Each structure stands twice: as C-alpha cells, then as structure tokens.
Protein backbone atom coordinates (compact mmCIF):
# COMPACT_ATOMS: atom_id res chain seq x y z
CA UNK A 1 0.00 0.00 0.00
CA UNK A 2 1.45 3.35 -1.05
CA UNK A 3 1.38 6.05 1.55
CA UNK A 4 1.47 9.69 0.51
CA UNK A 5 4.80 11.37 1.14
CA UNK A 6 4.88 13.77 4.05
CA UNK A 7 5.02 17.48 3.38
CA UNK A 8 8.39 18.71 4.61
CA UNK A 9 9.25 22.33 5.30
CA UNK A 10 12.91 23.29 5.57
CA UNK A 11 13.39 26.68 7.23
CA UNK A 12 16.87 28.14 6.85
CA UNK A 13 17.74 31.10 9.07
CA UNK A 14 21.47 30.56 9.48
CA UNK A 15 23.85 33.02 7.81
CA UNK A 16 25.63 31.14 4.99
CA UNK A 17 28.64 33.45 5.31
CA UNK A 18 29.15 32.37 8.93
CA UNK A 19 28.14 28.71 8.99
CA UNK A 20 28.17 25.71 6.64
CA UNK A 21 24.76 24.72 8.07
CA UNK A 22 22.94 26.82 5.44
CA UNK A 23 24.36 24.84 2.52
CA UNK A 24 23.91 21.64 4.53
CA UNK A 25 20.22 22.49 4.93
CA UNK A 26 19.79 22.61 1.15
CA UNK A 27 21.74 19.37 0.77
CA UNK A 28 19.41 17.67 3.24
CA UNK A 29 16.33 19.10 1.50
CA UNK A 30 17.67 17.76 -1.78
CA UNK A 31 18.06 14.29 -0.30
CA UNK A 32 14.60 14.34 1.25
CA UNK A 33 12.99 15.45 -1.98
CA UNK A 34 14.93 13.26 -4.36
CA UNK A 35 12.34 10.47 -4.45
CA UNK A 36 9.76 12.71 -6.13
CA UNK A 37 11.71 15.64 -7.56
CA UNK A 38 11.04 17.89 -4.60
CA UNK A 39 7.26 17.97 -4.86
CA UNK A 40 6.85 17.47 -1.10
CA UNK A 41 9.61 19.86 -0.04
CA UNK A 42 9.08 23.53 0.74
CA UNK A 43 12.14 25.67 1.38
CA UNK A 44 11.85 28.94 3.29
CA UNK A 45 14.81 31.29 3.56
CA UNK A 46 14.97 33.92 6.30
CA UNK A 47 17.59 36.27 7.71
CA UNK A 48 20.66 36.27 5.46
CA UNK A 49 19.88 32.81 4.02
CA UNK A 50 18.51 34.19 0.71
CA UNK A 51 22.12 34.96 -0.21
CA UNK A 52 22.33 31.22 -1.00
CA UNK A 53 20.41 32.08 -4.16
CA UNK A 54 22.44 35.14 -5.07
CA UNK A 55 24.43 35.57 -8.21
CA UNK A 56 27.56 36.22 -6.10
CA UNK A 57 28.27 33.36 -3.71
CA UNK A 58 31.90 34.23 -2.98
CA UNK A 59 31.28 34.82 0.74
CA UNK A 60 29.25 31.62 1.27
CA UNK A 61 30.87 28.79 3.21
CA UNK A 62 30.84 25.61 1.11
CA UNK A 63 29.82 27.51 -2.03
CA UNK A 64 31.34 24.71 -4.14
CA UNK A 65 28.83 22.27 -2.63
CA UNK A 66 26.00 24.75 -3.21
CA UNK A 67 27.02 24.99 -6.88
CA UNK A 68 26.46 21.24 -7.23
CA UNK A 69 23.05 21.15 -5.54
CA UNK A 70 21.28 24.37 -6.54
CA UNK A 71 20.93 23.32 -10.22
CA UNK A 72 18.90 20.29 -9.14
CA UNK A 73 16.36 22.52 -7.39
CA UNK A 74 16.23 24.68 -10.52
CA UNK A 75 15.69 21.61 -12.69
CA UNK A 76 12.83 20.52 -10.40
CA UNK A 77 11.30 24.00 -10.61
CA UNK A 78 11.46 24.40 -6.83
CA UNK A 79 10.30 27.85 -5.75
CA UNK A 80 12.12 29.27 -2.75
CA UNK A 81 9.94 31.12 -0.25
CA UNK A 82 11.61 34.25 1.08
CA UNK A 83 10.46 35.54 4.47
CA UNK A 84 9.22 39.12 4.39
CA UNK A 85 11.95 40.43 6.71
CA UNK A 86 14.82 38.50 5.08
CA UNK A 87 17.88 40.20 3.68
CA UNK A 88 17.85 39.52 -0.07
CA UNK A 89 20.87 39.59 -2.41
CA UNK A 90 21.18 42.37 -5.00
CA UNK A 91 20.46 39.84 -7.75
CA UNK A 92 19.37 36.21 -7.73
CA UNK A 93 21.17 33.59 -9.81
CA UNK A 94 19.67 32.90 -13.21
CA UNK A 95 16.68 30.57 -13.11
CA UNK A 96 15.94 30.94 -9.39
CA UNK A 97 12.23 31.24 -8.62
CA UNK A 98 11.33 33.06 -5.40
CA UNK A 99 8.07 33.81 -3.68
CA UNK A 100 7.61 36.33 -0.87
CA UNK A 101 6.22 34.92 2.37
CA UNK A 102 4.61 37.01 5.10
CA UNK A 103 5.02 36.06 8.77
CA UNK A 104 1.38 34.91 8.84
CA UNK A 105 1.96 32.71 5.76
CA UNK A 106 5.11 31.30 7.36
CA UNK A 107 3.18 30.42 10.51
CA UNK A 108 0.49 28.71 8.42
CA UNK A 109 3.10 26.80 6.39
CA UNK A 110 4.80 25.59 9.57
CA UNK A 111 1.47 24.42 10.93
CA UNK A 112 0.48 22.65 7.70
CA UNK A 113 3.74 20.73 7.29
CA UNK A 114 4.03 17.11 8.40
CA UNK A 115 7.73 17.58 9.21
CA UNK A 116 9.74 20.74 9.86
CA UNK A 117 13.51 21.10 9.84
CA UNK A 118 14.85 24.40 11.16
CA UNK A 119 18.42 25.53 10.60
CA UNK A 120 19.20 28.61 12.66
C-alpha cells in the first residue's frame, strides 16, 4: 500500500557566510525530496539565508557544494519562499524562482507541514 509522502518544510535562518549549516540544509532538502523531484519539499529562507540564491556566492561557506546542488532545485522547478523580513541579495542567480512569504503565511506553512527542519 502506497502512503502519501509527508510534506516537509525546511526553514533556513542561518547566515551562509558564517556557517556551513545553510548549505547543509539545502543538501538535506535535496536528499529528502529526491524520491519525487522535490514535490513534497518547501524551502523557506529567512535572515541572510537568501544569499544562498544570489548571483555572487563568494562569501558563502561551502559555495562549491551549493554549486552542485542548486541546479537540481532549478531543474525541479522548486520555488524558494523568502520571508518578508529576510535580507535579499542584490540579484538572484539565473533561473531561481522566489516567492515572498509574510510572517502569517510562514506560521500557516509551519502548521500545515508534516515535518519541519529548522536551521538557525
């Protein structure tokens, strides 16, 4: 009997210029979503985490790992939710799809998810 996959929300709040945990969060999300091309994964970036999607990743710890994984999310068509108060990069990398997320929408998304992983 096939069970539906759980809806997983990955919330990244850690600064990717100060910790490798931000890139690790995306690597984990990629692994969790790989069985169905990310359809059950929702990624929310807050704080300085949206810089993971920036055109310039020179200050990101483990940027070389990010460069391997980000194209998979782009291939899947994964939209990245950006918290309303997040610090966004001057320009996103080509092909990145973002959606703004209010605090109320974030709260609702957290409540609706079957599993939540928070990296802060």
